[in-house]
N, C-alpha and C. Protein backbone atom coordinates (compact mmCIF):
# COMPACT_ATOMS: atom_id res chain seq x y z
N MET A 1 1.59 -5.20 -32.14
CA MET A 1 0.62 -5.07 -31.07
C MET A 1 1.17 -4.10 -30.02
N ILE A 2 0.34 -3.17 -29.59
CA ILE A 2 0.72 -2.22 -28.55
C ILE A 2 0.26 -2.76 -27.20
N ILE A 3 1.21 -2.86 -26.29
CA ILE A 3 0.88 -3.34 -24.94
C ILE A 3 0.55 -2.14 -24.07
N ASP A 4 -0.58 -2.23 -23.39
CA ASP A 4 -1.00 -1.16 -22.47
C ASP A 4 -0.19 -1.28 -21.19
N GLU A 5 0.68 -0.34 -20.93
CA GLU A 5 1.56 -0.41 -19.77
C GLU A 5 1.44 0.87 -18.94
N GLU A 6 1.54 0.70 -17.64
CA GLU A 6 1.53 1.85 -16.74
C GLU A 6 2.85 2.60 -16.85
N PHE A 7 2.78 3.92 -16.61
CA PHE A 7 3.97 4.76 -16.59
C PHE A 7 4.06 5.46 -15.25
N PHE A 8 5.28 5.57 -14.73
CA PHE A 8 5.51 6.18 -13.42
C PHE A 8 6.48 7.35 -13.54
N ASP A 9 6.26 8.36 -12.70
CA ASP A 9 7.28 9.39 -12.52
C ASP A 9 8.45 8.72 -11.82
N VAL A 10 9.67 9.10 -12.19
CA VAL A 10 10.85 8.52 -11.57
C VAL A 10 11.73 9.62 -10.98
N TYR A 11 12.52 9.19 -9.98
CA TYR A 11 13.27 10.12 -9.14
C TYR A 11 14.69 9.63 -8.92
N ASP A 12 15.59 10.57 -8.63
CA ASP A 12 16.93 10.17 -8.21
C ASP A 12 16.91 9.90 -6.71
N ILE A 13 18.03 9.49 -6.16
CA ILE A 13 18.11 9.13 -4.74
C ILE A 13 17.76 10.30 -3.81
N ASN A 14 17.88 11.52 -4.31
CA ASN A 14 17.54 12.69 -3.50
C ASN A 14 16.08 13.11 -3.63
N GLY A 15 15.31 12.34 -4.39
CA GLY A 15 13.89 12.65 -4.55
C GLY A 15 13.59 13.64 -5.64
N ASN A 16 14.56 13.98 -6.46
CA ASN A 16 14.35 14.91 -7.57
C ASN A 16 13.71 14.16 -8.75
N HIS A 17 12.64 14.75 -9.29
CA HIS A 17 11.96 14.16 -10.44
C HIS A 17 12.91 14.20 -11.64
N VAL A 18 13.10 13.03 -12.28
CA VAL A 18 14.04 12.96 -13.41
C VAL A 18 13.41 12.42 -14.68
N GLY A 19 12.09 12.22 -14.67
CA GLY A 19 11.45 11.76 -15.89
C GLY A 19 10.30 10.81 -15.65
N VAL A 20 9.91 10.11 -16.71
CA VAL A 20 8.82 9.15 -16.68
C VAL A 20 9.31 7.88 -17.35
N LYS A 21 9.01 6.73 -16.73
CA LYS A 21 9.44 5.44 -17.28
C LYS A 21 8.29 4.44 -17.17
N PRO A 22 8.27 3.44 -18.06
CA PRO A 22 7.24 2.40 -17.97
C PRO A 22 7.50 1.49 -16.75
N LYS A 23 6.43 0.86 -16.29
CA LYS A 23 6.50 -0.05 -15.14
C LYS A 23 7.56 -1.13 -15.36
N SER A 24 7.61 -1.69 -16.55
CA SER A 24 8.58 -2.76 -16.83
C SER A 24 10.02 -2.28 -16.62
N PHE A 25 10.30 -1.04 -16.94
CA PHE A 25 11.64 -0.47 -16.71
C PHE A 25 11.89 -0.32 -15.21
N CYS A 26 10.90 0.21 -14.50
CA CYS A 26 11.05 0.47 -13.06
C CYS A 26 11.19 -0.81 -12.25
N HIS A 27 10.62 -1.90 -12.76
CA HIS A 27 10.64 -3.16 -12.01
C HIS A 27 11.76 -4.11 -12.44
N ARG A 28 12.62 -3.67 -13.33
CA ARG A 28 13.74 -4.53 -13.71
C ARG A 28 14.83 -4.42 -12.64
N ASP A 29 15.77 -5.31 -12.68
CA ASP A 29 16.89 -5.25 -11.74
C ASP A 29 17.71 -4.00 -12.00
N ASN A 30 17.97 -3.25 -10.93
CA ASN A 30 18.83 -2.07 -10.99
C ASN A 30 18.45 -1.06 -12.07
N PRO A 31 17.23 -0.49 -11.99
CA PRO A 31 16.84 0.49 -13.01
C PRO A 31 17.58 1.82 -12.91
N GLY A 32 18.17 2.11 -11.73
CA GLY A 32 18.92 3.36 -11.57
C GLY A 32 18.08 4.55 -11.20
N VAL A 33 16.76 4.40 -11.16
CA VAL A 33 15.86 5.46 -10.73
C VAL A 33 14.79 4.85 -9.82
N TYR A 34 14.18 5.69 -9.03
CA TYR A 34 13.18 5.27 -8.04
C TYR A 34 11.78 5.67 -8.48
N HIS A 35 10.79 4.90 -8.07
CA HIS A 35 9.39 5.25 -8.32
C HIS A 35 8.66 5.18 -6.98
N LYS A 36 7.39 5.61 -6.98
CA LYS A 36 6.66 5.73 -5.73
C LYS A 36 5.37 4.92 -5.72
N PRO A 37 5.24 4.05 -4.73
CA PRO A 37 3.93 3.48 -4.41
C PRO A 37 3.35 4.21 -3.20
N VAL A 38 2.04 4.11 -3.04
CA VAL A 38 1.41 4.54 -1.79
C VAL A 38 1.03 3.28 -1.03
N TRP A 39 1.29 3.28 0.26
CA TRP A 39 0.94 2.17 1.15
C TRP A 39 -0.03 2.74 2.17
N ILE A 40 -1.23 2.20 2.23
CA ILE A 40 -2.28 2.78 3.06
C ILE A 40 -2.69 1.79 4.15
N TRP A 41 -2.51 2.21 5.39
CA TRP A 41 -2.97 1.46 6.54
C TRP A 41 -4.32 2.03 6.95
N ILE A 42 -5.26 1.17 7.31
CA ILE A 42 -6.62 1.60 7.63
C ILE A 42 -7.00 1.12 9.02
N VAL A 43 -7.50 2.06 9.83
CA VAL A 43 -7.96 1.77 11.18
C VAL A 43 -9.41 2.24 11.29
N ASN A 44 -10.27 1.39 11.86
CA ASN A 44 -11.68 1.78 11.99
C ASN A 44 -11.93 2.51 13.31
N ASP A 45 -13.18 2.93 13.49
CA ASP A 45 -13.56 3.72 14.67
C ASP A 45 -13.56 2.89 15.95
N LYS A 46 -13.35 1.58 15.84
CA LYS A 46 -13.24 0.71 17.02
C LYS A 46 -11.78 0.42 17.35
N GLY A 47 -10.86 1.06 16.62
CA GLY A 47 -9.44 0.86 16.85
C GLY A 47 -8.91 -0.45 16.29
N GLN A 48 -9.61 -1.00 15.30
CA GLN A 48 -9.16 -2.23 14.65
C GLN A 48 -8.44 -1.90 13.35
N ILE A 49 -7.50 -2.76 12.99
CA ILE A 49 -6.68 -2.56 11.80
C ILE A 49 -7.19 -3.48 10.69
N LEU A 50 -7.38 -2.91 9.51
CA LEU A 50 -7.83 -3.69 8.37
C LEU A 50 -6.62 -4.31 7.67
N VAL A 51 -6.74 -5.58 7.30
CA VAL A 51 -5.73 -6.24 6.47
C VAL A 51 -6.44 -6.88 5.29
N GLN A 52 -5.70 -7.06 4.21
CA GLN A 52 -6.24 -7.76 3.04
C GLN A 52 -5.44 -9.02 2.81
N LYS A 53 -6.11 -10.02 2.26
CA LYS A 53 -5.42 -11.21 1.77
C LYS A 53 -5.31 -11.05 0.27
N ARG A 54 -4.08 -11.11 -0.22
CA ARG A 54 -3.83 -10.93 -1.64
C ARG A 54 -4.43 -12.08 -2.44
N ALA A 55 -4.90 -11.78 -3.62
CA ALA A 55 -5.52 -12.79 -4.48
C ALA A 55 -4.51 -13.90 -4.82
N ALA A 56 -5.02 -15.09 -5.04
CA ALA A 56 -4.19 -16.25 -5.39
C ALA A 56 -3.46 -16.05 -6.71
N THR A 57 -4.00 -15.19 -7.57
CA THR A 57 -3.42 -14.96 -8.90
C THR A 57 -2.32 -13.90 -8.91
N LYS A 58 -2.06 -13.26 -7.77
CA LYS A 58 -1.01 -12.23 -7.72
C LYS A 58 0.36 -12.86 -7.94
N LYS A 59 1.20 -12.19 -8.73
CA LYS A 59 2.53 -12.71 -9.03
C LYS A 59 3.42 -12.66 -7.78
N LYS A 60 3.31 -11.58 -7.03
CA LYS A 60 4.12 -11.41 -5.82
C LYS A 60 3.25 -11.69 -4.59
N SER A 61 3.70 -12.58 -3.75
CA SER A 61 3.06 -12.90 -2.46
C SER A 61 1.58 -13.28 -2.58
N PRO A 62 1.24 -14.23 -3.45
CA PRO A 62 -0.17 -14.65 -3.53
C PRO A 62 -0.61 -15.29 -2.21
N ASN A 63 -1.88 -15.07 -1.86
CA ASN A 63 -2.49 -15.65 -0.66
C ASN A 63 -1.84 -15.22 0.64
N LYS A 64 -1.07 -14.15 0.62
CA LYS A 64 -0.47 -13.61 1.84
C LYS A 64 -1.28 -12.39 2.26
N TYR A 65 -1.29 -12.15 3.57
CA TYR A 65 -1.93 -10.94 4.07
C TYR A 65 -0.99 -9.76 3.86
N ASP A 66 -1.60 -8.58 3.74
CA ASP A 66 -0.82 -7.37 3.49
C ASP A 66 -1.60 -6.16 3.99
N MET A 67 -0.98 -4.99 3.85
CA MET A 67 -1.69 -3.75 4.17
C MET A 67 -2.95 -3.70 3.31
N PRO A 68 -3.98 -3.02 3.76
CA PRO A 68 -5.27 -3.12 3.07
C PRO A 68 -5.34 -2.47 1.70
N SER A 69 -4.50 -1.49 1.43
CA SER A 69 -4.56 -0.83 0.13
C SER A 69 -3.17 -0.31 -0.21
N ALA A 70 -2.78 -0.53 -1.46
CA ALA A 70 -1.46 -0.07 -1.90
C ALA A 70 -1.44 -0.08 -3.42
N GLY A 71 -0.57 0.72 -3.97
CA GLY A 71 -0.42 0.72 -5.42
C GLY A 71 0.55 1.79 -5.87
N HIS A 72 0.94 1.69 -7.11
CA HIS A 72 1.87 2.65 -7.67
C HIS A 72 1.19 3.99 -7.97
N VAL A 73 1.99 5.03 -7.87
CA VAL A 73 1.54 6.36 -8.25
C VAL A 73 1.81 6.50 -9.75
N ASP A 74 0.77 6.74 -10.52
CA ASP A 74 0.90 6.89 -11.97
C ASP A 74 1.59 8.20 -12.32
N ALA A 75 2.22 8.25 -13.46
CA ALA A 75 2.87 9.47 -13.94
C ALA A 75 1.86 10.62 -13.96
N GLY A 76 2.23 11.75 -13.41
CA GLY A 76 1.37 12.92 -13.38
C GLY A 76 0.35 12.93 -12.26
N GLU A 77 0.26 11.87 -11.51
CA GLU A 77 -0.72 11.75 -10.43
C GLU A 77 -0.07 12.19 -9.12
N THR A 78 -0.85 12.87 -8.25
CA THR A 78 -0.32 13.21 -6.93
C THR A 78 -0.42 11.99 -6.01
N LEU A 79 0.31 12.05 -4.92
CA LEU A 79 0.27 10.96 -3.94
C LEU A 79 -1.15 10.77 -3.41
N LEU A 80 -1.83 11.86 -3.09
CA LEU A 80 -3.19 11.75 -2.54
C LEU A 80 -4.19 11.26 -3.59
N GLN A 81 -4.01 11.65 -4.83
CA GLN A 81 -4.87 11.11 -5.90
C GLN A 81 -4.70 9.60 -5.98
N ALA A 82 -3.46 9.12 -5.85
CA ALA A 82 -3.20 7.68 -5.88
C ALA A 82 -3.84 6.99 -4.68
N CYS A 83 -3.80 7.61 -3.50
CA CYS A 83 -4.45 7.04 -2.31
C CYS A 83 -5.95 6.86 -2.54
N VAL A 84 -6.59 7.90 -3.05
CA VAL A 84 -8.03 7.86 -3.32
C VAL A 84 -8.33 6.77 -4.35
N ARG A 85 -7.59 6.76 -5.44
CA ARG A 85 -7.81 5.80 -6.52
C ARG A 85 -7.62 4.36 -6.05
N GLU A 86 -6.51 4.09 -5.39
CA GLU A 86 -6.22 2.72 -4.96
C GLU A 86 -7.24 2.21 -3.94
N THR A 87 -7.65 3.05 -3.02
CA THR A 87 -8.61 2.64 -1.99
C THR A 87 -9.96 2.33 -2.63
N GLU A 88 -10.35 3.11 -3.63
CA GLU A 88 -11.61 2.82 -4.32
C GLU A 88 -11.48 1.60 -5.21
N GLU A 89 -10.38 1.47 -5.95
CA GLU A 89 -10.21 0.32 -6.84
C GLU A 89 -10.18 -1.00 -6.07
N GLU A 90 -9.38 -1.07 -5.02
CA GLU A 90 -9.17 -2.33 -4.32
C GLU A 90 -10.27 -2.67 -3.33
N LEU A 91 -10.81 -1.64 -2.65
CA LEU A 91 -11.76 -1.89 -1.56
C LEU A 91 -13.15 -1.33 -1.82
N GLY A 92 -13.31 -0.55 -2.87
CA GLY A 92 -14.61 0.05 -3.15
C GLY A 92 -15.00 1.16 -2.21
N LEU A 93 -14.02 1.70 -1.48
CA LEU A 93 -14.30 2.79 -0.53
C LEU A 93 -14.05 4.14 -1.19
N LYS A 94 -15.06 4.98 -1.17
CA LYS A 94 -14.91 6.33 -1.72
C LYS A 94 -14.41 7.24 -0.60
N CYS A 95 -13.27 7.87 -0.85
CA CYS A 95 -12.65 8.74 0.14
C CYS A 95 -12.29 10.07 -0.52
N LYS A 96 -11.96 11.03 0.32
CA LYS A 96 -11.47 12.32 -0.15
C LYS A 96 -9.97 12.39 0.17
N GLU A 97 -9.25 13.20 -0.56
CA GLU A 97 -7.82 13.37 -0.30
C GLU A 97 -7.55 13.76 1.14
N SER A 98 -8.43 14.59 1.71
CA SER A 98 -8.25 15.06 3.09
C SER A 98 -8.46 13.97 4.14
N ASP A 99 -8.95 12.79 3.73
CA ASP A 99 -9.15 11.68 4.67
C ASP A 99 -7.83 10.98 5.01
N PHE A 100 -6.81 11.18 4.21
CA PHE A 100 -5.56 10.45 4.37
C PHE A 100 -4.55 11.27 5.19
N ILE A 101 -3.89 10.60 6.10
CA ILE A 101 -2.88 11.21 6.96
C ILE A 101 -1.52 10.67 6.54
N PHE A 102 -0.63 11.57 6.11
CA PHE A 102 0.72 11.15 5.72
C PHE A 102 1.50 10.75 6.97
N LEU A 103 2.14 9.58 6.91
CA LEU A 103 2.92 9.10 8.03
C LEU A 103 4.42 9.19 7.80
N LYS A 104 4.87 8.72 6.63
CA LYS A 104 6.32 8.67 6.41
C LYS A 104 6.63 8.24 4.99
N GLU A 105 7.80 8.64 4.51
CA GLU A 105 8.34 8.11 3.27
C GLU A 105 9.38 7.06 3.67
N TRP A 106 9.28 5.87 3.05
CA TRP A 106 10.18 4.76 3.40
C TRP A 106 10.94 4.32 2.15
N LEU A 107 12.25 4.40 2.20
CA LEU A 107 13.08 3.99 1.08
C LEU A 107 13.27 2.48 1.10
N ILE A 108 12.93 1.83 -0.01
CA ILE A 108 13.17 0.40 -0.17
C ILE A 108 14.18 0.26 -1.31
N GLN A 109 15.43 0.17 -0.94
CA GLN A 109 16.51 0.16 -1.92
C GLN A 109 16.42 -1.04 -2.86
N GLU A 110 16.03 -2.22 -2.33
CA GLU A 110 16.00 -3.44 -3.14
C GLU A 110 15.03 -3.32 -4.32
N SER A 111 13.92 -2.60 -4.13
CA SER A 111 12.94 -2.48 -5.21
C SER A 111 12.92 -1.07 -5.83
N TRP A 112 13.90 -0.26 -5.46
CA TRP A 112 14.03 1.08 -6.04
C TRP A 112 12.74 1.88 -5.87
N GLU A 113 12.24 1.95 -4.63
CA GLU A 113 10.99 2.65 -4.35
C GLU A 113 11.13 3.61 -3.18
N PHE A 114 10.41 4.70 -3.28
CA PHE A 114 10.13 5.58 -2.15
C PHE A 114 8.67 5.32 -1.78
N ALA A 115 8.42 4.44 -0.83
CA ALA A 115 7.05 4.14 -0.43
C ALA A 115 6.51 5.30 0.41
N GLU A 116 5.36 5.80 0.00
CA GLU A 116 4.71 6.90 0.70
C GLU A 116 3.60 6.29 1.55
N ILE A 117 3.76 6.37 2.87
CA ILE A 117 2.90 5.63 3.79
C ILE A 117 1.85 6.57 4.40
N TYR A 118 0.60 6.12 4.31
CA TYR A 118 -0.54 6.91 4.78
C TYR A 118 -1.41 6.09 5.72
N LEU A 119 -2.20 6.82 6.50
CA LEU A 119 -3.21 6.23 7.37
C LEU A 119 -4.57 6.77 6.96
N LEU A 120 -5.55 5.88 6.96
CA LEU A 120 -6.94 6.25 6.72
C LEU A 120 -7.75 5.77 7.90
N LYS A 121 -8.42 6.70 8.57
CA LYS A 121 -9.34 6.32 9.65
C LYS A 121 -10.74 6.30 9.04
N THR A 122 -11.50 5.24 9.32
CA THR A 122 -12.79 5.07 8.66
C THR A 122 -13.81 4.44 9.58
N LYS A 123 -15.07 4.64 9.24
CA LYS A 123 -16.17 3.96 9.93
C LYS A 123 -16.69 2.81 9.07
N ALA A 124 -16.04 2.58 7.94
CA ALA A 124 -16.50 1.56 7.00
C ALA A 124 -16.45 0.16 7.62
N LYS A 125 -17.49 -0.58 7.36
CA LYS A 125 -17.57 -1.98 7.77
C LYS A 125 -17.16 -2.86 6.59
N ILE A 126 -16.85 -4.10 6.87
CA ILE A 126 -16.47 -5.04 5.81
C ILE A 126 -17.59 -5.11 4.75
N THR A 127 -18.83 -5.08 5.21
CA THR A 127 -19.97 -5.18 4.29
C THR A 127 -20.10 -3.95 3.38
N ASP A 128 -19.43 -2.85 3.72
CA ASP A 128 -19.43 -1.64 2.89
C ASP A 128 -18.42 -1.74 1.74
N MET A 129 -17.57 -2.73 1.79
CA MET A 129 -16.47 -2.83 0.83
C MET A 129 -16.83 -3.72 -0.35
N LYS A 130 -16.35 -3.29 -1.52
CA LYS A 130 -16.50 -4.07 -2.75
C LYS A 130 -15.09 -4.37 -3.24
N LEU A 131 -14.65 -5.61 -3.03
CA LEU A 131 -13.26 -5.98 -3.28
C LEU A 131 -12.97 -6.19 -4.76
N GLN A 132 -11.80 -5.74 -5.18
CA GLN A 132 -11.31 -5.97 -6.54
C GLN A 132 -10.73 -7.39 -6.57
N LYS A 133 -11.49 -8.33 -7.10
CA LYS A 133 -11.16 -9.76 -7.01
C LYS A 133 -9.79 -10.10 -7.61
N GLU A 134 -9.33 -9.36 -8.61
CA GLU A 134 -8.02 -9.63 -9.21
C GLU A 134 -6.88 -9.31 -8.24
N GLU A 135 -7.18 -8.47 -7.26
CA GLU A 135 -6.16 -8.02 -6.31
C GLU A 135 -6.35 -8.59 -4.91
N VAL A 136 -7.60 -8.63 -4.45
CA VAL A 136 -7.90 -8.88 -3.04
C VAL A 136 -8.84 -10.08 -2.89
N ALA A 137 -8.41 -11.07 -2.13
CA ALA A 137 -9.25 -12.26 -1.88
C ALA A 137 -10.22 -12.02 -0.74
N GLU A 138 -9.77 -11.33 0.30
CA GLU A 138 -10.62 -11.05 1.46
C GLU A 138 -10.01 -9.93 2.29
N VAL A 139 -10.81 -9.35 3.13
CA VAL A 139 -10.34 -8.36 4.11
C VAL A 139 -10.93 -8.71 5.46
N LYS A 140 -10.22 -8.28 6.50
CA LYS A 140 -10.76 -8.46 7.85
C LYS A 140 -10.13 -7.43 8.77
N TYR A 141 -10.91 -7.06 9.80
CA TYR A 141 -10.41 -6.18 10.84
C TYR A 141 -9.84 -7.03 11.97
N LEU A 142 -8.72 -6.58 12.53
CA LEU A 142 -8.09 -7.27 13.65
C LEU A 142 -7.84 -6.28 14.78
N ASN A 143 -7.95 -6.76 16.01
CA ASN A 143 -7.53 -5.89 17.11
C ASN A 143 -5.99 -5.82 17.07
N TYR A 144 -5.42 -4.92 17.82
CA TYR A 144 -3.98 -4.66 17.72
C TYR A 144 -3.16 -5.92 17.96
N ASP A 145 -3.46 -6.66 19.02
CA ASP A 145 -2.67 -7.86 19.34
C ASP A 145 -2.78 -8.92 18.25
N GLU A 146 -3.97 -9.10 17.69
CA GLU A 146 -4.16 -10.05 16.58
C GLU A 146 -3.34 -9.61 15.36
N PHE A 147 -3.37 -8.30 15.11
CA PHE A 147 -2.62 -7.76 13.98
C PHE A 147 -1.13 -8.02 14.14
N VAL A 148 -0.59 -7.71 15.30
CA VAL A 148 0.86 -7.89 15.53
C VAL A 148 1.25 -9.34 15.31
N LYS A 149 0.46 -10.26 15.84
CA LYS A 149 0.75 -11.70 15.68
C LYS A 149 0.79 -12.08 14.19
N LEU A 150 -0.21 -11.64 13.43
CA LEU A 150 -0.26 -11.93 11.99
C LEU A 150 0.88 -11.22 11.24
N PHE A 151 1.13 -9.98 11.57
CA PHE A 151 2.12 -9.14 10.88
C PHE A 151 3.51 -9.76 10.92
N TYR A 152 3.87 -10.36 12.06
CA TYR A 152 5.19 -10.96 12.20
C TYR A 152 5.23 -12.44 11.79
N SER A 153 4.11 -12.96 11.28
CA SER A 153 4.05 -14.37 10.89
C SER A 153 4.41 -14.56 9.41
N ASP A 154 4.58 -15.80 9.02
CA ASP A 154 4.86 -16.12 7.62
C ASP A 154 3.62 -15.97 6.73
N ASP A 155 2.45 -15.75 7.35
CA ASP A 155 1.21 -15.56 6.58
C ASP A 155 1.09 -14.13 6.04
N PHE A 156 1.99 -13.24 6.48
CA PHE A 156 1.97 -11.84 6.03
C PHE A 156 3.09 -11.64 5.01
N CYS A 157 2.88 -10.72 4.09
CA CYS A 157 3.91 -10.38 3.11
C CYS A 157 5.21 -10.03 3.81
N ASN A 158 6.29 -10.33 3.14
CA ASN A 158 7.61 -10.07 3.70
C ASN A 158 7.91 -8.57 3.70
N HIS A 159 8.21 -8.04 4.86
CA HIS A 159 8.67 -6.65 5.01
C HIS A 159 9.84 -6.66 5.98
N ALA A 160 10.70 -5.69 5.88
CA ALA A 160 11.85 -5.59 6.78
C ALA A 160 11.38 -5.45 8.22
N LYS A 161 12.11 -6.05 9.13
CA LYS A 161 11.76 -5.98 10.56
C LYS A 161 11.69 -4.53 11.04
N GLU A 162 12.62 -3.71 10.58
CA GLU A 162 12.62 -2.29 10.97
C GLU A 162 11.29 -1.62 10.57
N TYR A 163 10.81 -1.94 9.38
CA TYR A 163 9.54 -1.39 8.93
C TYR A 163 8.39 -1.93 9.78
N LYS A 164 8.38 -3.23 10.03
CA LYS A 164 7.31 -3.82 10.84
C LYS A 164 7.28 -3.21 12.24
N ASP A 165 8.44 -3.05 12.84
CA ASP A 165 8.51 -2.44 14.18
C ASP A 165 7.93 -1.03 14.16
N TRP A 166 8.28 -0.26 13.14
CA TRP A 166 7.78 1.12 13.02
C TRP A 166 6.26 1.13 12.83
N VAL A 167 5.74 0.27 11.95
CA VAL A 167 4.29 0.20 11.71
C VAL A 167 3.56 -0.10 13.02
N CYS A 168 4.04 -1.08 13.75
CA CYS A 168 3.38 -1.45 15.01
C CYS A 168 3.38 -0.29 16.01
N GLU A 169 4.48 0.41 16.08
CA GLU A 169 4.58 1.56 16.98
C GLU A 169 3.57 2.65 16.59
N VAL A 170 3.48 2.93 15.30
CA VAL A 170 2.56 3.98 14.82
C VAL A 170 1.10 3.55 14.98
N LEU A 171 0.77 2.34 14.54
CA LEU A 171 -0.63 1.91 14.59
C LEU A 171 -1.15 1.75 16.01
N LYS A 172 -0.27 1.42 16.94
CA LYS A 172 -0.70 1.28 18.34
C LYS A 172 -1.34 2.58 18.85
N LYS A 173 -0.83 3.71 18.39
CA LYS A 173 -1.37 5.02 18.80
C LYS A 173 -2.80 5.22 18.31
N TYR A 174 -3.15 4.60 17.18
CA TYR A 174 -4.47 4.78 16.58
C TYR A 174 -5.46 3.68 16.99
N CYS A 175 -5.00 2.73 17.77
CA CYS A 175 -5.84 1.59 18.14
C CYS A 175 -6.33 1.66 19.58
N LYS A 176 -6.19 2.80 20.20
CA LYS A 176 -6.62 2.94 21.60
C LYS A 176 -8.08 3.29 21.67
């Protein structure tokens, strides 16, 4: 039986492309190479931040709140193509590559990832979204103070404090 598995471009610590590996290889302990997810933060025209609640069936952090859209970059796919794909798959929002604003690359040594962090500003309402039920249980917009309270709580996916502090600093600029 052939198992359908995702494949990712992989990189050395300096960001040099060194090949393609299956997801199972990239997610094992100490694979020796890095792969890239895109992490997309979404702010609406009212300065509210969108969050998603992960589906109960998710292996990692079920029923926890998280950034509204994220996913791995497939082998041969550009970062912006992955942003467009993930946002449409998870939230049903059709976007263009030019809608995404690159914020930062964040190294997560524990999971061997170079997370590529983007911002999407949108006028989309919750009712405009069609959620991918296997991934997302619900979404909601929060004002900045509500977001910060949730972000630092145990109800949100675990992220390093340094990352959380940086996200709050960046998003505050877009929530005015």
